[in-house]
N, C-alpha and C. Protein backbone atom coordinates (compact mmCIF):
# COMPACT_ATOMS: atom_id res chain seq x y z
N MET A 1 -0.67 51.35 -48.54
CA MET A 1 -1.37 52.69 -48.62
C MET A 1 -1.47 53.13 -47.16
N LYS A 2 -1.71 52.03 -46.10
CA LYS A 2 -1.73 52.63 -44.74
C LYS A 2 -0.40 53.16 -44.25
N ASN A 3 0.63 52.49 -44.72
CA ASN A 3 1.89 53.06 -44.31
C ASN A 3 2.28 54.41 -45.02
N LEU A 4 1.70 54.66 -46.12
CA LEU A 4 1.86 55.77 -46.66
C LEU A 4 1.23 57.05 -46.06
N LEU A 5 -0.09 56.65 -45.72
CA LEU A 5 -0.77 57.79 -44.84
C LEU A 5 -0.41 57.98 -43.52
N THR A 6 0.34 56.96 -42.90
CA THR A 6 1.09 57.11 -41.50
C THR A 6 2.31 58.14 -41.77
N ILE A 7 3.06 57.96 -43.02
CA ILE A 7 4.22 58.69 -43.14
C ILE A 7 3.82 60.07 -43.41
N LEU A 8 2.43 60.30 -44.33
CA LEU A 8 2.12 61.52 -44.46
C LEU A 8 1.76 62.12 -43.23
N PHE A 9 0.81 61.55 -42.41
CA PHE A 9 0.54 62.34 -40.93
C PHE A 9 1.74 62.64 -40.24
N VAL A 10 2.67 61.64 -40.00
CA VAL A 10 3.70 62.02 -39.34
C VAL A 10 4.51 63.26 -39.80
N ALA A 11 4.53 63.26 -41.10
CA ALA A 11 5.45 64.38 -41.83
C ALA A 11 4.51 65.93 -41.49
N VAL A 12 3.40 65.60 -41.67
CA VAL A 12 2.65 66.97 -41.39
C VAL A 12 2.76 67.32 -39.91
N VAL A 13 2.66 66.41 -39.03
CA VAL A 13 2.59 66.72 -37.59
C VAL A 13 3.91 67.17 -37.07
N PHE A 14 5.09 66.57 -37.47
CA PHE A 14 6.31 66.92 -37.10
C PHE A 14 6.96 68.12 -37.98
N GLY A 15 6.37 67.88 -39.11
CA GLY A 15 7.12 68.99 -40.08
C GLY A 15 6.57 70.59 -39.79
N CYS A 16 5.42 70.46 -39.19
CA CYS A 16 4.85 71.88 -38.89
C CYS A 16 5.25 72.31 -37.51
N ASN A 17 5.63 71.54 -36.60
CA ASN A 17 6.03 71.81 -35.22
C ASN A 17 7.27 72.80 -34.89
N SER A 18 8.26 73.02 -35.83
CA SER A 18 9.42 73.93 -35.54
C SER A 18 9.60 74.84 -36.77
N ASN A 19 9.87 76.07 -36.53
CA ASN A 19 10.41 76.75 -37.43
C ASN A 19 11.82 77.14 -37.45
N GLU A 20 12.50 76.31 -36.51
CA GLU A 20 13.93 76.61 -36.38
C GLU A 20 14.86 76.12 -37.43
N VAL A 21 15.63 77.00 -38.10
CA VAL A 21 16.32 76.33 -39.04
C VAL A 21 17.50 75.60 -38.55
N VAL A 22 17.86 74.47 -39.08
CA VAL A 22 18.97 73.81 -38.65
C VAL A 22 19.94 73.14 -39.74
N SER A 23 21.14 73.05 -39.60
CA SER A 23 21.86 72.58 -40.74
C SER A 23 21.82 70.98 -41.02
N ILE A 24 22.17 70.51 -41.95
CA ILE A 24 22.02 69.10 -42.33
C ILE A 24 23.08 68.35 -41.15
N GLU A 25 24.11 68.92 -41.00
CA GLU A 25 24.98 68.32 -39.91
C GLU A 25 24.34 68.25 -38.59
N ASP A 26 23.49 69.10 -38.30
CA ASP A 26 22.75 68.88 -37.11
C ASP A 26 21.78 67.67 -36.93
N ILE A 27 21.49 67.12 -38.26
CA ILE A 27 20.45 66.02 -38.11
C ILE A 27 21.25 64.65 -38.48
N ILE A 28 22.24 64.85 -39.49
CA ILE A 28 22.84 63.71 -39.92
C ILE A 28 24.47 63.80 -39.64
N ASP A 29 24.94 62.70 -39.11
CA ASP A 29 26.42 62.90 -38.83
C ASP A 29 27.18 62.09 -40.28
N ILE A 30 27.39 63.34 -41.04
CA ILE A 30 27.88 62.99 -42.41
C ILE A 30 28.93 61.95 -42.46
N ASN A 31 30.02 62.06 -41.67
CA ASN A 31 31.08 61.11 -41.73
C ASN A 31 30.71 59.77 -41.43
N SER A 32 29.65 59.49 -40.83
CA SER A 32 29.21 57.96 -40.25
C SER A 32 28.30 57.34 -41.36
N ILE A 33 28.36 58.21 -42.51
CA ILE A 33 27.32 57.49 -43.63
C ILE A 33 28.43 56.48 -44.24
N TYR A 34 27.62 55.33 -44.58
CA TYR A 34 28.60 54.10 -45.19
C TYR A 34 27.79 53.50 -46.28
N LYS A 35 26.63 53.91 -46.45
CA LYS A 35 25.97 53.27 -47.67
C LYS A 35 24.69 54.10 -48.12
N VAL A 36 24.60 54.23 -49.33
CA VAL A 36 23.35 55.06 -49.87
C VAL A 36 22.68 54.27 -51.07
N GLU A 37 21.44 53.94 -50.95
CA GLU A 37 20.71 53.50 -52.09
C GLU A 37 20.06 54.47 -52.56
N MET A 38 19.89 54.58 -53.99
CA MET A 38 19.21 55.62 -54.68
C MET A 38 18.17 55.06 -55.60
N THR A 39 17.24 55.72 -55.85
CA THR A 39 16.12 55.50 -56.85
C THR A 39 15.95 57.01 -57.68
N ASN A 40 16.24 56.93 -58.89
CA ASN A 40 16.01 58.13 -59.72
C ASN A 40 15.72 57.75 -61.09
N ASN A 41 15.77 58.71 -62.01
CA ASN A 41 15.51 58.34 -63.33
C ASN A 41 16.28 57.34 -64.05
N SER A 42 17.59 57.04 -63.29
CA SER A 42 18.47 55.95 -63.89
C SER A 42 18.10 54.50 -63.14
N GLY A 43 17.21 54.51 -62.36
CA GLY A 43 16.84 53.16 -61.80
C GLY A 43 16.97 53.24 -60.31
N ASN A 44 17.30 51.83 -59.72
CA ASN A 44 17.60 51.80 -58.38
C ASN A 44 18.87 51.05 -58.12
N PHE A 45 19.68 51.78 -57.41
CA PHE A 45 21.06 51.38 -57.41
C PHE A 45 21.73 51.93 -56.15
N GLU A 46 22.85 51.20 -55.70
CA GLU A 46 23.67 51.65 -54.45
C GLU A 46 24.60 52.39 -55.10
N LEU A 47 25.21 53.55 -54.40
CA LEU A 47 26.34 54.41 -54.75
C LEU A 47 27.65 53.60 -54.34
N SER A 48 28.52 53.95 -55.13
CA SER A 48 29.88 53.55 -55.02
C SER A 48 30.46 54.32 -54.09
N ASP A 49 31.56 53.85 -53.40
CA ASP A 49 32.44 54.64 -52.29
C ASP A 49 32.79 56.13 -52.65
N GLU A 50 33.13 56.10 -54.26
CA GLU A 50 33.59 57.50 -54.69
C GLU A 50 32.20 58.39 -54.74
N GLN A 51 30.94 57.72 -55.03
CA GLN A 51 29.81 58.50 -55.21
C GLN A 51 29.52 58.95 -53.74
N ILE A 52 29.49 57.98 -52.92
CA ILE A 52 29.12 58.38 -51.44
C ILE A 52 29.92 59.75 -51.08
N ASN A 53 31.29 59.70 -51.20
CA ASN A 53 32.02 60.84 -51.01
C ASN A 53 31.42 62.32 -51.61
N LEU A 54 30.99 62.02 -52.82
CA LEU A 54 30.41 63.32 -53.70
C LEU A 54 29.12 63.38 -52.74
N PHE A 55 28.51 62.54 -52.69
CA PHE A 55 27.04 62.72 -52.10
C PHE A 55 27.12 63.56 -50.78
N LYS A 56 28.01 63.03 -49.92
CA LYS A 56 28.41 63.81 -48.64
C LYS A 56 28.56 65.29 -48.91
N LYS A 57 29.43 65.67 -49.92
CA LYS A 57 29.59 67.01 -50.26
C LYS A 57 28.39 67.65 -50.68
N ASP A 58 27.67 66.97 -51.49
CA ASP A 58 26.18 67.63 -51.75
C ASP A 58 25.42 67.80 -50.63
N LEU A 59 25.42 66.88 -49.76
CA LEU A 59 24.40 67.10 -48.47
C LEU A 59 24.85 68.49 -47.71
N LEU A 60 26.13 68.50 -47.71
CA LEU A 60 26.57 70.01 -47.00
C LEU A 60 25.89 71.30 -47.69
N LEU A 61 25.67 71.10 -48.82
CA LEU A 61 25.10 72.20 -49.65
C LEU A 61 23.50 72.61 -49.40
N LEU A 62 22.86 71.49 -48.76
CA LEU A 62 21.46 71.65 -48.67
C LEU A 62 21.10 72.66 -47.64
N LYS A 63 20.18 73.53 -47.75
CA LYS A 63 19.76 74.45 -46.95
C LYS A 63 18.37 74.42 -46.33
N HIS A 64 18.17 74.18 -44.90
CA HIS A 64 16.89 73.75 -44.44
C HIS A 64 15.68 74.90 -44.54
N GLU A 65 14.56 74.52 -45.09
CA GLU A 65 13.32 75.44 -45.26
C GLU A 65 12.42 75.07 -44.40
N PRO A 66 12.44 75.49 -43.03
CA PRO A 66 11.50 75.11 -42.12
C PRO A 66 10.05 75.42 -42.36
N ASP A 67 9.70 76.50 -43.16
CA ASP A 67 8.32 77.00 -43.60
C ASP A 67 7.75 76.52 -44.84
N LEU A 68 8.45 75.39 -45.33
CA LEU A 68 8.08 74.99 -46.71
C LEU A 68 7.75 73.38 -46.50
N SER A 69 6.68 73.31 -47.27
CA SER A 69 6.30 71.69 -47.73
C SER A 69 6.12 71.47 -49.13
N ILE A 70 6.54 70.21 -49.42
CA ILE A 70 6.59 70.00 -50.79
C ILE A 70 6.09 68.70 -51.32
N LYS A 71 5.83 68.51 -52.47
CA LYS A 71 5.11 67.36 -52.99
C LYS A 71 6.48 66.55 -53.58
N VAL A 72 6.69 65.44 -53.18
CA VAL A 72 7.69 64.65 -53.66
C VAL A 72 7.29 63.38 -54.53
N GLY A 73 8.25 62.82 -55.25
CA GLY A 73 7.97 61.73 -56.20
C GLY A 73 9.03 61.68 -56.90
N GLY A 74 9.56 60.39 -57.67
CA GLY A 74 10.61 60.35 -58.36
C GLY A 74 12.00 59.94 -57.92
N ILE A 75 12.41 60.55 -56.81
CA ILE A 75 13.59 60.42 -56.23
C ILE A 75 13.42 59.99 -54.74
N THR A 76 14.14 58.85 -54.52
CA THR A 76 14.20 58.38 -53.14
C THR A 76 15.44 57.84 -52.72
N ILE A 77 16.31 58.55 -51.77
CA ILE A 77 17.35 58.07 -51.31
C ILE A 77 17.50 57.48 -49.85
N THR A 78 17.93 56.42 -49.90
CA THR A 78 18.05 55.82 -48.38
C THR A 78 19.61 55.96 -48.09
N VAL A 79 19.55 56.80 -46.85
CA VAL A 79 21.02 56.79 -46.25
C VAL A 79 21.24 56.08 -45.11
N TYR A 80 22.10 55.37 -44.97
CA TYR A 80 22.56 54.47 -43.76
C TYR A 80 23.84 55.17 -43.06
N SER A 81 23.67 55.32 -41.84
CA SER A 81 24.77 55.87 -41.01
C SER A 81 25.09 54.67 -39.89
N GLU A 82 25.93 54.97 -39.11
CA GLU A 82 26.25 54.04 -37.98
C GLU A 82 25.06 53.91 -36.98
N ASP A 83 24.21 55.06 -36.68
CA ASP A 83 23.25 55.15 -35.82
C ASP A 83 21.86 54.96 -36.21
N GLU A 84 21.63 55.69 -37.32
CA GLU A 84 20.35 56.10 -37.92
C GLU A 84 20.04 55.55 -39.34
N GLN A 85 18.98 55.46 -39.93
CA GLN A 85 18.44 55.46 -41.29
C GLN A 85 17.60 56.73 -41.46
N TYR A 86 17.90 57.29 -42.89
CA TYR A 86 17.44 58.47 -43.29
C TYR A 86 16.95 58.33 -44.69
N VAL A 87 15.67 58.80 -44.84
CA VAL A 87 15.21 58.78 -46.45
C VAL A 87 14.80 60.23 -46.84
N ILE A 88 15.48 60.37 -47.90
CA ILE A 88 15.43 61.72 -48.64
C ILE A 88 14.60 61.44 -49.87
N SER A 89 13.51 62.13 -50.01
CA SER A 89 12.64 62.18 -51.04
C SER A 89 12.41 63.44 -51.87
N GLY A 90 12.49 63.54 -53.05
CA GLY A 90 12.37 64.63 -53.93
C GLY A 90 11.49 64.26 -55.19
N LYS A 91 11.55 65.42 -56.09
CA LYS A 91 11.05 65.00 -57.45
C LYS A 91 11.99 65.37 -58.45
N THR A 92 11.77 64.71 -59.73
CA THR A 92 12.76 64.95 -60.78
C THR A 92 12.92 66.58 -60.99
N HIS A 93 14.09 66.90 -61.22
CA HIS A 93 14.19 68.22 -61.45
C HIS A 93 13.71 69.30 -60.38
N GLY A 94 13.56 68.82 -59.20
CA GLY A 94 13.06 69.69 -58.05
C GLY A 94 13.97 70.56 -57.51
N ASN A 95 13.78 71.51 -56.81
CA ASN A 95 14.36 72.31 -56.35
C ASN A 95 14.51 72.15 -54.66
N ASN A 96 13.68 71.12 -54.20
CA ASN A 96 13.64 71.02 -52.69
C ASN A 96 13.63 69.51 -52.66
N VAL A 97 14.02 69.02 -51.47
CA VAL A 97 13.99 67.45 -50.90
C VAL A 97 13.38 67.54 -49.52
N GLU A 98 12.73 66.53 -49.14
CA GLU A 98 12.30 66.23 -47.86
C GLU A 98 13.12 65.08 -47.33
N LEU A 99 13.62 65.40 -46.06
CA LEU A 99 14.31 64.31 -45.32
C LEU A 99 13.46 63.74 -44.26
N ASN A 100 13.32 62.60 -44.25
CA ASN A 100 12.78 61.79 -43.07
C ASN A 100 13.74 61.11 -42.31
N LEU A 101 13.76 61.50 -40.98
CA LEU A 101 14.68 60.80 -40.03
C LEU A 101 13.84 59.84 -39.21
N TYR A 102 14.31 58.44 -39.37
CA TYR A 102 13.65 57.56 -38.54
C TYR A 102 14.62 57.18 -37.32
N TYR A 103 14.14 57.34 -36.10
CA TYR A 103 14.83 56.99 -34.91
C TYR A 103 14.62 55.46 -34.83
N LEU A 104 15.69 54.67 -34.95
CA LEU A 104 15.65 53.19 -35.06
C LEU A 104 15.37 52.61 -33.75
N ASN A 105 15.67 53.03 -32.69
CA ASN A 105 15.59 52.59 -31.51
C ASN A 105 13.90 52.71 -30.94
N SER A 106 13.48 53.97 -31.18
CA SER A 106 12.07 54.20 -30.72
C SER A 106 11.00 54.05 -31.85
N GLY A 107 11.49 54.17 -33.20
CA GLY A 107 10.34 53.91 -34.26
C GLY A 107 9.88 55.26 -34.67
N ASP A 108 10.15 56.32 -33.84
CA ASP A 108 9.72 57.78 -34.13
C ASP A 108 10.38 58.39 -35.47
N SER A 109 9.68 59.48 -36.00
CA SER A 109 10.44 60.05 -37.10
C SER A 109 10.14 61.43 -37.06
N LYS A 110 10.98 62.12 -37.68
CA LYS A 110 10.81 63.72 -37.99
C LYS A 110 11.22 64.00 -39.33
N THR A 111 10.36 65.00 -40.17
CA THR A 111 10.40 65.49 -41.18
C THR A 111 11.17 66.91 -41.45
N TYR A 112 12.12 67.18 -42.43
CA TYR A 112 12.51 68.44 -42.61
C TYR A 112 12.63 68.54 -44.25
N VAL A 113 12.27 69.83 -44.62
CA VAL A 113 12.59 70.28 -45.98
C VAL A 113 13.77 71.12 -46.28
N PHE A 114 14.44 70.61 -47.22
CA PHE A 114 15.91 71.53 -47.66
C PHE A 114 15.57 71.91 -48.98
N SER A 115 16.23 73.02 -49.42
CA SER A 115 16.36 73.45 -50.83
C SER A 115 17.70 72.80 -51.33
N CYS A 116 17.68 72.44 -52.58
CA CYS A 116 18.79 71.60 -53.13
C CYS A 116 19.97 72.74 -53.46
N ASP A 117 19.84 73.89 -53.72
CA ASP A 117 20.91 74.70 -54.01
C ASP A 117 21.64 74.24 -55.28
N GLY A 118 20.80 74.05 -56.31
CA GLY A 118 21.33 73.70 -57.50
C GLY A 118 21.77 72.15 -57.60
N ILE A 119 21.62 71.35 -56.61
CA ILE A 119 21.99 70.04 -56.70
C ILE A 119 20.81 69.12 -57.44
N ASN A 120 21.03 68.20 -58.35
CA ASN A 120 20.39 67.64 -59.27
C ASN A 120 20.60 66.09 -58.79
N PHE A 121 19.63 65.55 -57.88
CA PHE A 121 19.94 64.21 -57.42
C PHE A 121 19.99 63.08 -58.55
N ASP A 122 19.32 63.68 -59.83
CA ASP A 122 19.06 62.76 -61.12
C ASP A 122 20.25 62.48 -61.71
N ASN A 123 21.12 63.47 -61.46
CA ASN A 123 22.70 63.34 -62.05
C ASN A 123 23.39 61.98 -61.45
N TYR A 124 23.13 61.27 -60.57
CA TYR A 124 23.70 60.29 -59.93
C TYR A 124 23.28 58.84 -60.81
N LYS A 125 24.23 58.22 -61.46
CA LYS A 125 23.88 57.02 -62.21
C LYS A 125 24.56 55.80 -61.45
N PRO A 126 24.02 54.80 -61.94
CA PRO A 126 24.64 53.38 -61.55
C PRO A 126 26.03 53.16 -62.14
N GLU A 127 27.00 52.77 -61.28
CA GLU A 127 28.25 52.51 -61.86
C GLU A 127 28.52 51.22 -62.07
């Protein structure tokens, strides 16, 4: 519970500091993603290489919504790249997701909200 409160506090503090619109590519080096763990209505599973390629294309469709805050639950996606780890959270059939960027070296984090532009992360299933 303490960790959840800390994450929520960080999300509020950092999520409200900037109204600048950024692209997902400004945050994540899409090409460096090598592993994706997903929890959705289909359970908890790791994406296959083919699914990771599709996931990367889906990420490019996300649109930053700097003035929006959302309630998440039901979908958690942990993205591993060469330098960072990212957690994307959303709700089942939601129109938006929240991306939490954890800086591995410093322990700091930053939160961004994105519209899904028709992407439904519940469509991913274990293979």
